[in-house]
Amino acid sequence: MQHHAPDARRFFDLTEPICLVNFFADEPNEAMAELGFRGYWDGYFAGRSAPLGRVPAEVVHAAFYNFADGEAARHVPRVWETTTPEAAHGARERGCVAALRRILGDLVESEGLVRAADLLAKAAVSAPTEGRVMYAGLRALPMPAEPVTRLWHAANMLREHRGDGHIVALMAEGIGGLESHVLSALDMGIYPAESFGRIHHLPAALLAEVMSGLRDRGLVDASGHFTEAGRAKKDRIEALTDTLAESPYDGLSADERDELVEVLTPIAARLQD
């Protein structure tokens, strides 16, 4: 079996814009509000954890990995007093597909989108599920037939597959969930890292503890920037994440991988714009 690490990174860049509509478009939030949720994070935890079913907060915390202690428990299992996992996943899907249809416009009816959806779906069901909790949850759901819905679901499966592998890479390098946000913030040029949107709301004492731990291990300097060792650790994490994200694309031939790049490129470009 041949592996294609460059393909894993290349396809991440092309599929991530499809998934990001869930976080940056209005339609998914509106779909969750129709279920009765009045806050973003209730909808987030309900929609993303839905494929896992009615599991305890501890399981969601473990699977998501990068939330502070107690954050999952503020939403799970309370969200299931408002709706069901099946309805939550359905709302998330409807909202994301509506956003994709609005943004992609004329591309929705193109042969390229249909082909992209088919190839992504083929890749998305080609990877082993062992050790991939979030991916396995999505893999257990039916693959949609409608092309735009199929495109979103397959891209979401591949995102969670990669995310499961990213957690493995973080753990292998001894990086905790909140620490991973600091490394990501610095990698994106966000400074101070504590201002990053995913952690800025946390108590100052907790953030100070996280930064102190990274300084003590020589990963950030006194000013809160990467040290050489910290930069190298982040690079190793990303390289291993890419390696662990390869397996879905082994389900495609070399020609199919090239074709998938071709048909995904205008879709990703439109979403990025």
C-alpha atoms as a PDB file:
ATOM      1  CA  MET A   1       0.000   0.000   0.000  1.00  0.00           C
ATOM      2  CA  GLN A   2       1.401   3.376  -0.993  1.00  0.00           C
ATOM      3  CA  HIS A   3       0.914   6.448   1.167  1.00  0.00           C
ATOM      4  CA  HIS A   4       0.706  10.017  -0.025  1.00  0.00           C
ATOM      5  CA  ALA A   5       1.487  12.457   2.798  1.00  0.00           C
ATOM      6  CA  PRO A   6       1.514  15.484   0.477  1.00  0.00           C
ATOM      7  CA  ASP A   7      -1.981  14.492  -0.659  1.00  0.00           C
ATOM      8  CA  ALA A   8      -3.243  14.488   2.928  1.00  0.00           C
ATOM      9  CA  ARG A   9      -2.181  18.100   3.418  1.00  0.00           C
ATOM     10  CA  ARG A  10      -3.326  19.144  -0.026  1.00  0.00           C
ATOM     11  CA  PHE A  11      -6.786  17.644   0.467  1.00  0.00           C
ATOM     12  CA  PHE A  12      -7.066  19.153   3.933  1.00  0.00           C
ATOM     13  CA  ASP A  13      -6.566  22.596   2.375  1.00  0.00           C
ATOM     14  CA  LEU A  14      -9.258  21.815  -0.213  1.00  0.00           C
ATOM     15  CA  THR A  15     -11.840  20.226   2.113  1.00  0.00           C
ATOM     16  CA  GLU A  16     -11.502  22.405   5.197  1.00  0.00           C
ATOM     17  CA  PRO A  17     -13.404  25.335   3.580  1.00  0.00           C
ATOM     18  CA  ILE A  18     -16.366  22.978   3.056  1.00  0.00           C
ATOM     19  CA  CYS A  19     -16.438  22.183   6.772  1.00  0.00           C
ATOM     20  CA  LEU A  20     -15.859  25.728   7.991  1.00  0.00           C
ATOM     21  CA  VAL A  21     -19.312  26.875   6.895  1.00  0.00           C
ATOM     22  CA  ASN A  22     -20.501  25.236  10.118  1.00  0.00           C
ATOM     23  CA  PHE A  23     -18.568  27.813  12.131  1.00  0.00           C
ATOM     24  CA  PHE A  24     -18.707  30.931   9.953  1.00  0.00           C
ATOM     25  CA  ALA A  25     -22.072  30.881   8.175  1.00  0.00           C
ATOM     26  CA  ASP A  26     -25.442  31.863   9.659  1.00  0.00           C
ATOM     27  CA  GLU A  27     -27.505  28.957   8.382  1.00  0.00           C
ATOM     28  CA  PRO A  28     -26.147  26.268  10.763  1.00  0.00           C
ATOM     29  CA  ASN A  29     -26.763  28.517  13.784  1.00  0.00           C
ATOM     30  CA  GLU A  30     -30.261  29.248  12.534  1.00  0.00           C
ATOM     31  CA  ALA A  31     -30.959  25.526  12.090  1.00  0.00           C
ATOM     32  CA  MET A  32     -29.851  24.863  15.663  1.00  0.00           C
ATOM     33  CA  ALA A  33     -31.963  27.755  16.939  1.00  0.00           C
ATOM     34  CA  GLU A  34     -34.991  26.163  15.290  1.00  0.00           C
ATOM     35  CA  LEU A  35     -34.439  23.157  17.553  1.00  0.00           C
ATOM     36  CA  GLY A  36     -34.673  25.431  20.581  1.00  0.00           C
ATOM     37  CA  PHE A  37     -31.020  26.237  21.299  1.00  0.00           C
ATOM     38  CA  ARG A  38     -30.359  29.843  22.215  1.00  0.00           C
ATOM     39  CA  GLY A  39     -26.591  29.703  22.513  1.00  0.00           C
ATOM     40  CA  TYR A  40     -23.890  28.826  19.984  1.00  0.00           C
ATOM     41  CA  TRP A  41     -22.096  26.329  22.206  1.00  0.00           C
ATOM     42  CA  ASP A  42     -25.211  24.294  22.994  1.00  0.00           C
ATOM     43  CA  GLY A  43     -25.662  23.844  19.255  1.00  0.00           C
ATOM     44  CA  TYR A  44     -21.975  23.084  18.752  1.00  0.00           C
ATOM     45  CA  PHE A  45     -21.816  20.345  21.356  1.00  0.00           C
ATOM     46  CA  ALA A  46     -25.149  18.865  20.307  1.00  0.00           C
ATOM     47  CA  GLY A  47     -24.395  18.895  16.582  1.00  0.00           C
ATOM     48  CA  ARG A  48     -20.820  17.660  16.721  1.00  0.00           C
ATOM     49  CA  SER A  49     -21.285  15.008  19.406  1.00  0.00           C
ATOM     50  CA  ALA A  50     -24.588  13.747  17.944  1.00  0.00           C
ATOM     51  CA  PRO A  51     -23.025  10.788  16.057  1.00  0.00           C
ATOM     52  CA  LEU A  52     -21.702   9.509  19.405  1.00  0.00           C
ATOM     53  CA  GLY A  53     -25.224   9.313  20.810  1.00  0.00           C
ATOM     54  CA  ARG A  54     -26.228  10.107  24.383  1.00  0.00           C
ATOM     55  CA  VAL A  55     -22.817   9.570  25.922  1.00  0.00           C
ATOM     56  CA  PRO A  56     -21.682  11.215  29.188  1.00  0.00           C
ATOM     57  CA  ALA A  57     -19.854  14.539  29.159  1.00  0.00           C
ATOM     58  CA  GLU A  58     -16.636  12.721  30.051  1.00  0.00           C
ATOM     59  CA  VAL A  59     -16.765  10.833  26.759  1.00  0.00           C
ATOM     60  CA  VAL A  60     -17.385  13.999  24.740  1.00  0.00           C
ATOM     61  CA  HIS A  61     -14.558  15.753  26.593  1.00  0.00           C
ATOM     62  CA  ALA A  62     -12.203  12.870  25.786  1.00  0.00           C
ATOM     63  CA  ALA A  63     -13.216  12.671  22.122  1.00  0.00           C
ATOM     64  CA  PHE A  64     -13.020  16.427  21.520  1.00  0.00           C
ATOM     65  CA  TYR A  65      -9.777  16.640  23.533  1.00  0.00           C
ATOM     66  CA  ASN A  66      -9.108  20.369  23.416  1.00  0.00           C
ATOM     67  CA  PHE A  67     -11.737  21.866  25.722  1.00  0.00           C
ATOM     68  CA  ALA A  68     -11.044  22.932  29.290  1.00  0.00           C
ATOM     69  CA  ASP A  69     -12.246  20.762  32.144  1.00  0.00           C
ATOM     70  CA  GLY A  70     -15.960  21.239  32.676  1.00  0.00           C
ATOM     71  CA  GLU A  71     -16.717  22.910  29.332  1.00  0.00           C
ATOM     72  CA  ALA A  72     -18.366  19.838  27.816  1.00  0.00           C
ATOM     73  CA  ALA A  73     -20.286  19.197  31.042  1.00  0.00           C
ATOM     74  CA  ARG A  74     -21.932  22.620  30.796  1.00  0.00           C
ATOM     75  CA  HIS A  75     -23.726  21.393  27.678  1.00  0.00           C
ATOM     76  CA  VAL A  76     -23.809  17.587  27.763  1.00  0.00           C
ATOM     77  CA  PRO A  77     -26.131  15.871  28.610  1.00  0.00           C
ATOM     78  CA  ARG A  78     -28.343  18.959  29.090  1.00  0.00           C
ATOM     79  CA  VAL A  79     -28.636  19.514  25.314  1.00  0.00           C
ATOM     80  CA  TRP A  80     -30.554  16.235  25.048  1.00  0.00           C
ATOM     81  CA  GLU A  81     -33.355  17.761  27.105  1.00  0.00           C
ATOM     82  CA  THR A  82     -33.958  20.043  24.089  1.00  0.00           C
ATOM     83  CA  THR A  83     -33.554  17.626  21.183  1.00  0.00           C
ATOM     84  CA  THR A  84     -32.273  14.219  20.129  1.00  0.00           C
ATOM     85  CA  PRO A  85     -28.874  13.339  18.663  1.00  0.00           C
ATOM     86  CA  GLU A  86     -30.560  12.432  15.387  1.00  0.00           C
ATOM     87  CA  ALA A  87     -32.343  15.793  15.161  1.00  0.00           C
ATOM     88  CA  ALA A  88     -29.183  17.669  16.137  1.00  0.00           C
ATOM     89  CA  HIS A  89     -27.122  16.023  13.412  1.00  0.00           C
ATOM     90  CA  GLY A  90     -29.915  16.615  10.929  1.00  0.00           C
ATOM     91  CA  ALA A  91     -30.080  20.316  11.784  1.00  0.00           C
ATOM     92  CA  ARG A  92     -26.317  20.695  11.538  1.00  0.00           C
ATOM     93  CA  GLU A  93     -26.364  18.997   8.148  1.00  0.00           C
ATOM     94  CA  ARG A  94     -29.296  21.078   6.847  1.00  0.00           C
ATOM     95  CA  GLY A  95     -27.695  24.323   7.955  1.00  0.00           C
ATOM     96  CA  CYS A  96     -24.323  23.519   6.447  1.00  0.00           C
ATOM     97  CA  VAL A  97     -25.850  22.370   3.159  1.00  0.00           C
ATOM     98  CA  ALA A  98     -27.980  25.524   2.966  1.00  0.00           C
ATOM     99  CA  ALA A  99     -24.859  27.637   3.495  1.00  0.00           C
ATOM    100  CA  LEU A 100     -22.958  25.710   0.837  1.00  0.00           C
ATOM    101  CA  ARG A 101     -25.794  26.134  -1.651  1.00  0.00           C
ATOM    102  CA  ARG A 102     -25.935  29.886  -1.035  1.00  0.00           C
ATOM    103  CA  ILE A 103     -22.178  30.430  -1.270  1.00  0.00           C
ATOM    104  CA  LEU A 104     -21.433  28.073  -4.141  1.00  0.00           C
ATOM    105  CA  GLY A 105     -24.268  29.368  -6.312  1.00  0.00           C
ATOM    106  CA  ASP A 106     -23.909  28.119  -9.871  1.00  0.00           C
ATOM    107  CA  LEU A 107     -21.328  25.524  -8.845  1.00  0.00           C
ATOM    108  CA  VAL A 108     -24.068  23.574  -7.053  1.00  0.00           C
ATOM    109  CA  GLU A 109     -25.451  22.319 -10.361  1.00  0.00           C
ATOM    110  CA  SER A 110     -22.071  21.620 -11.944  1.00  0.00           C
ATOM    111  CA  GLU A 111     -20.807  18.209 -12.953  1.00  0.00           C
ATOM    112  CA  GLY A 112     -17.614  19.022 -11.056  1.00  0.00           C
ATOM    113  CA  LEU A 113     -19.425  19.245  -7.733  1.00  0.00           C
ATOM    114  CA  VAL A 114     -21.186  15.931  -8.301  1.00  0.00           C
ATOM    115  CA  ARG A 115     -17.879  14.299  -9.148  1.00  0.00           C
ATOM    116  CA  ALA A 116     -16.180  15.923  -6.149  1.00  0.00           C
ATOM    117  CA  ALA A 117     -18.908  14.574  -3.880  1.00  0.00           C
ATOM    118  CA  ASP A 118     -18.569  11.061  -5.294  1.00  0.00           C
ATOM    119  CA  LEU A 119     -14.780  10.981  -5.020  1.00  0.00           C
ATOM    120  CA  LEU A 120     -14.771  12.483  -1.533  1.00  0.00           C
ATOM    121  CA  ALA A 121     -17.362   9.932  -0.437  1.00  0.00           C
ATOM    122  CA  LYS A 122     -15.213   7.119  -1.818  1.00  0.00           C
ATOM    123  CA  ALA A 123     -12.213   8.394   0.120  1.00  0.00           C
ATOM    124  CA  ALA A 124     -14.263   9.023   3.258  1.00  0.00           C
ATOM    125  CA  VAL A 125     -15.315   5.378   3.580  1.00  0.00           C
ATOM    126  CA  SER A 126     -11.909   3.940   2.698  1.00  0.00           C
ATOM    127  CA  ALA A 127     -10.104   4.369   6.035  1.00  0.00           C
ATOM    128  CA  PRO A 128     -10.030   1.959   8.998  1.00  0.00           C
ATOM    129  CA  THR A 129     -12.107   3.088  11.980  1.00  0.00           C
ATOM    130  CA  GLU A 130      -9.884   1.647  14.710  1.00  0.00           C
ATOM    131  CA  GLY A 131      -8.829   4.361  17.142  1.00  0.00           C
ATOM    132  CA  ARG A 132     -10.940   6.969  15.306  1.00  0.00           C
ATOM    133  CA  VAL A 133     -13.865   7.668  17.625  1.00  0.00           C
ATOM    134  CA  MET A 134     -15.316  10.754  15.942  1.00  0.00           C
ATOM    135  CA  TYR A 135     -14.737   9.353  12.457  1.00  0.00           C
ATOM    136  CA  ALA A 136     -16.339   6.047  13.396  1.00  0.00           C
ATOM    137  CA  GLY A 137     -19.421   7.844  14.689  1.00  0.00           C
ATOM    138  CA  LEU A 138     -19.905   9.607  11.362  1.00  0.00           C
ATOM    139  CA  ARG A 139     -18.969   6.501   9.395  1.00  0.00           C
ATOM    140  CA  ALA A 140     -21.883   4.678  11.048  1.00  0.00           C
ATOM    141  CA  LEU A 141     -24.346   7.133   9.495  1.00  0.00           C
ATOM    142  CA  PRO A 142     -25.755   6.632   5.970  1.00  0.00           C
ATOM    143  CA  MET A 143     -23.889   8.385   3.178  1.00  0.00           C
ATOM    144  CA  PRO A 144     -26.309  10.962   1.694  1.00  0.00           C
ATOM    145  CA  ALA A 145     -27.307  10.593  -1.949  1.00  0.00           C
ATOM    146  CA  GLU A 146     -27.935  14.280  -2.746  1.00  0.00           C
ATOM    147  CA  PRO A 147     -24.636  15.712  -4.090  1.00  0.00           C
ATOM    148  CA  VAL A 148     -24.222  18.838  -1.915  1.00  0.00           C
ATOM    149  CA  THR A 149     -25.202  16.932   1.222  1.00  0.00           C
ATOM    150  CA  ARG A 150     -22.887  14.114   0.178  1.00  0.00           C
ATOM    151  CA  LEU A 151     -20.047  16.602  -0.327  1.00  0.00           C
ATOM    152  CA  TRP A 152     -20.519  18.097   3.135  1.00  0.00           C
ATOM    153  CA  HIS A 153     -20.899  14.775   4.927  1.00  0.00           C
ATOM    154  CA  ALA A 154     -17.832  13.267   3.261  1.00  0.00           C
ATOM    155  CA  ALA A 155     -15.738  16.359   3.991  1.00  0.00           C
ATOM    156  CA  ASN A 156     -16.918  16.323   7.606  1.00  0.00           C
ATOM    157  CA  MET A 157     -15.976  12.643   7.904  1.00  0.00           C
ATOM    158  CA  LEU A 158     -12.504  13.378   6.580  1.00  0.00           C
ATOM    159  CA  ARG A 159     -12.141  16.336   8.956  1.00  0.00           C
ATOM    160  CA  GLU A 160     -12.995  14.206  11.981  1.00  0.00           C
ATOM    161  CA  HIS A 161     -10.726  11.418  10.713  1.00  0.00           C
ATOM    162  CA  ARG A 162      -7.885  13.906  10.557  1.00  0.00           C
ATOM    163  CA  GLY A 163      -8.860  15.311  13.939  1.00  0.00           C
ATOM    164  CA  ASP A 164      -8.719  11.886  15.553  1.00  0.00           C
ATOM    165  CA  GLY A 165      -5.211  11.470  14.167  1.00  0.00           C
ATOM    166  CA  HIS A 166      -4.233  14.962  15.302  1.00  0.00           C
ATOM    167  CA  ILE A 167      -5.107  13.986  18.872  1.00  0.00           C
ATOM    168  CA  VAL A 168      -2.800  10.983  18.551  1.00  0.00           C
ATOM    169  CA  ALA A 169      -0.013  13.283  17.348  1.00  0.00           C
ATOM    170  CA  LEU A 170      -0.591  15.713  20.217  1.00  0.00           C
ATOM    171  CA  MET A 171      -0.542  12.935  22.777  1.00  0.00           C
ATOM    172  CA  ALA A 172       2.591  11.426  21.250  1.00  0.00           C
ATOM    173  CA  GLU A 173       4.324  14.781  21.717  1.00  0.00           C
ATOM    174  CA  GLY A 174       2.942  15.279  25.221  1.00  0.00           C
ATOM    175  CA  ILE A 175       0.779  18.277  24.319  1.00  0.00           C
ATOM    176  CA  GLY A 176      -2.500  18.718  26.176  1.00  0.00           C
ATOM    177  CA  GLY A 177      -5.700  20.062  24.712  1.00  0.00           C
ATOM    178  CA  LEU A 178      -5.373  23.662  25.881  1.00  0.00           C
ATOM    179  CA  GLU A 179      -1.668  23.641  25.078  1.00  0.00           C
ATOM    180  CA  SER A 180      -2.553  22.646  21.530  1.00  0.00           C
ATOM    181  CA  HIS A 181      -4.506  25.890  21.133  1.00  0.00           C
ATOM    182  CA  VAL A 182      -1.487  27.914  22.232  1.00  0.00           C
ATOM    183  CA  LEU A 183       0.730  26.187  19.666  1.00  0.00           C
ATOM    184  CA  SER A 184      -1.906  26.685  16.955  1.00  0.00           C
ATOM    185  CA  ALA A 185      -2.312  30.362  17.836  1.00  0.00           C
ATOM    186  CA  LEU A 186       1.417  30.985  17.640  1.00  0.00           C
ATOM    187  CA  ASP A 187       1.604  29.021  14.397  1.00  0.00           C
ATOM    188  CA  MET A 188      -1.062  31.331  12.944  1.00  0.00           C
ATOM    189  CA  GLY A 189       0.775  34.439  14.154  1.00  0.00           C
ATOM    190  CA  ILE A 190      -1.741  35.230  16.907  1.00  0.00           C
ATOM    191  CA  TYR A 191      -0.021  36.981  19.790  1.00  0.00           C
ATOM    192  CA  PRO A 192      -0.439  36.889  22.660  1.00  0.00           C
ATOM    193  CA  ALA A 193      -1.586  33.313  22.266  1.00  0.00           C
ATOM    194  CA  GLU A 194      -3.990  33.766  25.164  1.00  0.00           C
ATOM    195  CA  SER A 195      -6.059  36.085  22.942  1.00  0.00           C
ATOM    196  CA  PHE A 196      -6.911  33.210  20.577  1.00  0.00           C
ATOM    197  CA  GLY A 197     -10.678  32.934  20.217  1.00  0.00           C
ATOM    198  CA  ARG A 198     -10.853  29.334  21.377  1.00  0.00           C
ATOM    199  CA  ILE A 199      -9.256  30.037  24.766  1.00  0.00           C
ATOM    200  CA  HIS A 200      -9.490  33.777  25.437  1.00  0.00           C
ATOM    201  CA  HIS A 201     -12.636  33.296  27.551  1.00  0.00           C
ATOM    202  CA  LEU A 202     -10.931  30.956  30.017  1.00  0.00           C
ATOM    203  CA  PRO A 203      -9.878  32.168  33.481  1.00  0.00           C
ATOM    204  CA  ALA A 204      -6.645  34.157  33.442  1.00  0.00           C
ATOM    205  CA  ALA A 205      -5.166  31.926  36.132  1.00  0.00           C
ATOM    206  CA  LEU A 206      -5.768  28.830  34.001  1.00  0.00           C
ATOM    207  CA  LEU A 207      -4.202  30.409  30.919  1.00  0.00           C
ATOM    208  CA  ALA A 208      -1.226  31.546  33.002  1.00  0.00           C
ATOM    209  CA  GLU A 209      -0.791  27.972  34.217  1.00  0.00           C
ATOM    210  CA  VAL A 210      -0.853  26.651  30.638  1.00  0.00           C
ATOM    211  CA  MET A 211       1.719  29.214  29.477  1.00  0.00           C
ATOM    212  CA  SER A 212       3.910  28.560  32.512  1.00  0.00           C
ATOM    213  CA  GLY A 213       3.923  24.836  31.756  1.00  0.00           C
ATOM    214  CA  LEU A 214       4.988  25.472  28.160  1.00  0.00           C
ATOM    215  CA  ARG A 215       7.753  27.835  29.326  1.00  0.00           C
ATOM    216  CA  ASP A 216       8.995  25.323  31.880  1.00  0.00           C
ATOM    217  CA  ARG A 217       9.324  22.741  29.101  1.00  0.00           C
ATOM    218  CA  GLY A 218      11.194  25.180  26.874  1.00  0.00           C
ATOM    219  CA  LEU A 219       8.490  25.384  24.206  1.00  0.00           C
ATOM    220  CA  VAL A 220       7.726  29.104  24.542  1.00  0.00           C
ATOM    221  CA  ASP A 221      10.036  31.861  25.710  1.00  0.00           C
ATOM    222  CA  ALA A 222       9.529  34.474  28.407  1.00  0.00           C
ATOM    223  CA  SER A 223       7.633  36.701  25.960  1.00  0.00           C
ATOM    224  CA  GLY A 224       5.234  33.885  24.980  1.00  0.00           C
ATOM    225  CA  HIS A 225       6.655  33.200  21.518  1.00  0.00           C
ATOM    226  CA  PHE A 226       7.849  29.894  20.120  1.00  0.00           C
ATOM    227  CA  THR A 227      11.311  28.734  21.087  1.00  0.00           C
ATOM    228  CA  GLU A 228      13.229  26.688  18.546  1.00  0.00           C
ATOM    229  CA  ALA A 229      12.166  23.554  20.413  1.00  0.00           C
ATOM    230  CA  GLY A 230       8.532  24.660  20.428  1.00  0.00           C
ATOM    231  CA  ARG A 231       8.568  25.359  16.714  1.00  0.00           C
ATOM    232  CA  ALA A 232      10.118  21.947  16.049  1.00  0.00           C
ATOM    233  CA  LYS A 233       7.500  20.225  18.212  1.00  0.00           C
ATOM    234  CA  LYS A 234       4.641  21.920  16.371  1.00  0.00           C
ATOM    235  CA  ASP A 235       6.180  20.907  13.048  1.00  0.00           C
ATOM    236  CA  ARG A 236       6.438  17.278  14.185  1.00  0.00           C
ATOM    237  CA  ILE A 237       2.812  17.298  15.295  1.00  0.00           C
ATOM    238  CA  GLU A 238       1.662  18.575  11.907  1.00  0.00           C
ATOM    239  CA  ALA A 239       3.854  16.106  10.022  1.00  0.00           C
ATOM    240  CA  LEU A 240       2.494  13.149  12.016  1.00  0.00           C
ATOM    241  CA  THR A 241      -1.051  14.469  11.603  1.00  0.00           C
ATOM    242  CA  ASP A 242      -0.538  14.472   7.841  1.00  0.00           C
ATOM    243  CA  THR A 243       0.875  10.951   7.915  1.00  0.00           C
ATOM    244  CA  LEU A 244      -2.065   9.677   9.964  1.00  0.00           C
ATOM    245  CA  ALA A 245      -4.511  11.383   7.586  1.00  0.00           C
ATOM    246  CA  GLU A 246      -3.233   9.506   4.530  1.00  0.00           C
ATOM    247  CA  SER A 247      -5.285   6.325   4.636  1.00  0.00           C
ATOM    248  CA  PRO A 248      -8.582   7.613   3.156  1.00  0.00           C
ATOM    249  CA  TYR A 249      -6.786   8.625  -0.018  1.00  0.00           C
ATOM    250  CA  ASP A 250      -5.360   5.145  -0.492  1.00  0.00           C
ATOM    251  CA  GLY A 251      -8.896   4.306  -1.600  1.00  0.00           C
ATOM    252  CA  LEU A 252      -8.417   6.487  -4.680  1.00  0.00           C
ATOM    253  CA  SER A 253      -6.218   5.814  -7.662  1.00  0.00           C
ATOM    254  CA  ALA A 254      -3.563   8.325  -8.655  1.00  0.00           C
ATOM    255  CA  ASP A 255      -5.806   9.550 -11.482  1.00  0.00           C
ATOM    256  CA  GLU A 256      -8.745   9.914  -9.093  1.00  0.00           C
ATOM    257  CA  ARG A 257      -6.634  11.932  -6.660  1.00  0.00           C
ATOM    258  CA  ASP A 258      -5.598  14.266  -9.469  1.00  0.00           C
ATOM    259  CA  GLU A 259      -9.193  14.556 -10.623  1.00  0.00           C
ATOM    260  CA  LEU A 260     -10.361  15.285  -7.077  1.00  0.00           C
ATOM    261  CA  VAL A 261      -7.891  18.164  -6.820  1.00  0.00           C
ATOM    262  CA  GLU A 262      -9.187  19.520 -10.121  1.00  0.00           C
ATOM    263  CA  VAL A 263     -12.878  19.416  -9.175  1.00  0.00           C
ATOM    264  CA  LEU A 264     -12.395  20.587  -5.583  1.00  0.00           C
ATOM    265  CA  THR A 265     -10.227  23.598  -6.436  1.00  0.00           C
ATOM    266  CA  PRO A 266     -13.023  25.910  -7.703  1.00  0.00           C
ATOM    267  CA  ILE A 267     -15.271  24.834  -4.819  1.00  0.00           C
ATOM    268  CA  ALA A 268     -12.632  25.621  -2.217  1.00  0.00           C
ATOM    269  CA  ALA A 269     -11.745  28.894  -3.938  1.00  0.00           C
ATOM    270  CA  ARG A 270     -15.381  30.058  -3.927  1.00  0.00           C
ATOM    271  CA  LEU A 271     -15.767  29.205  -0.240  1.00  0.00           C
ATOM    272  CA  GLN A 272     -12.505  30.919   0.671  1.00  0.00           C
ATOM    273  CA  ASP A 273     -13.565  34.063  -1.177  1.00  0.00           C
END
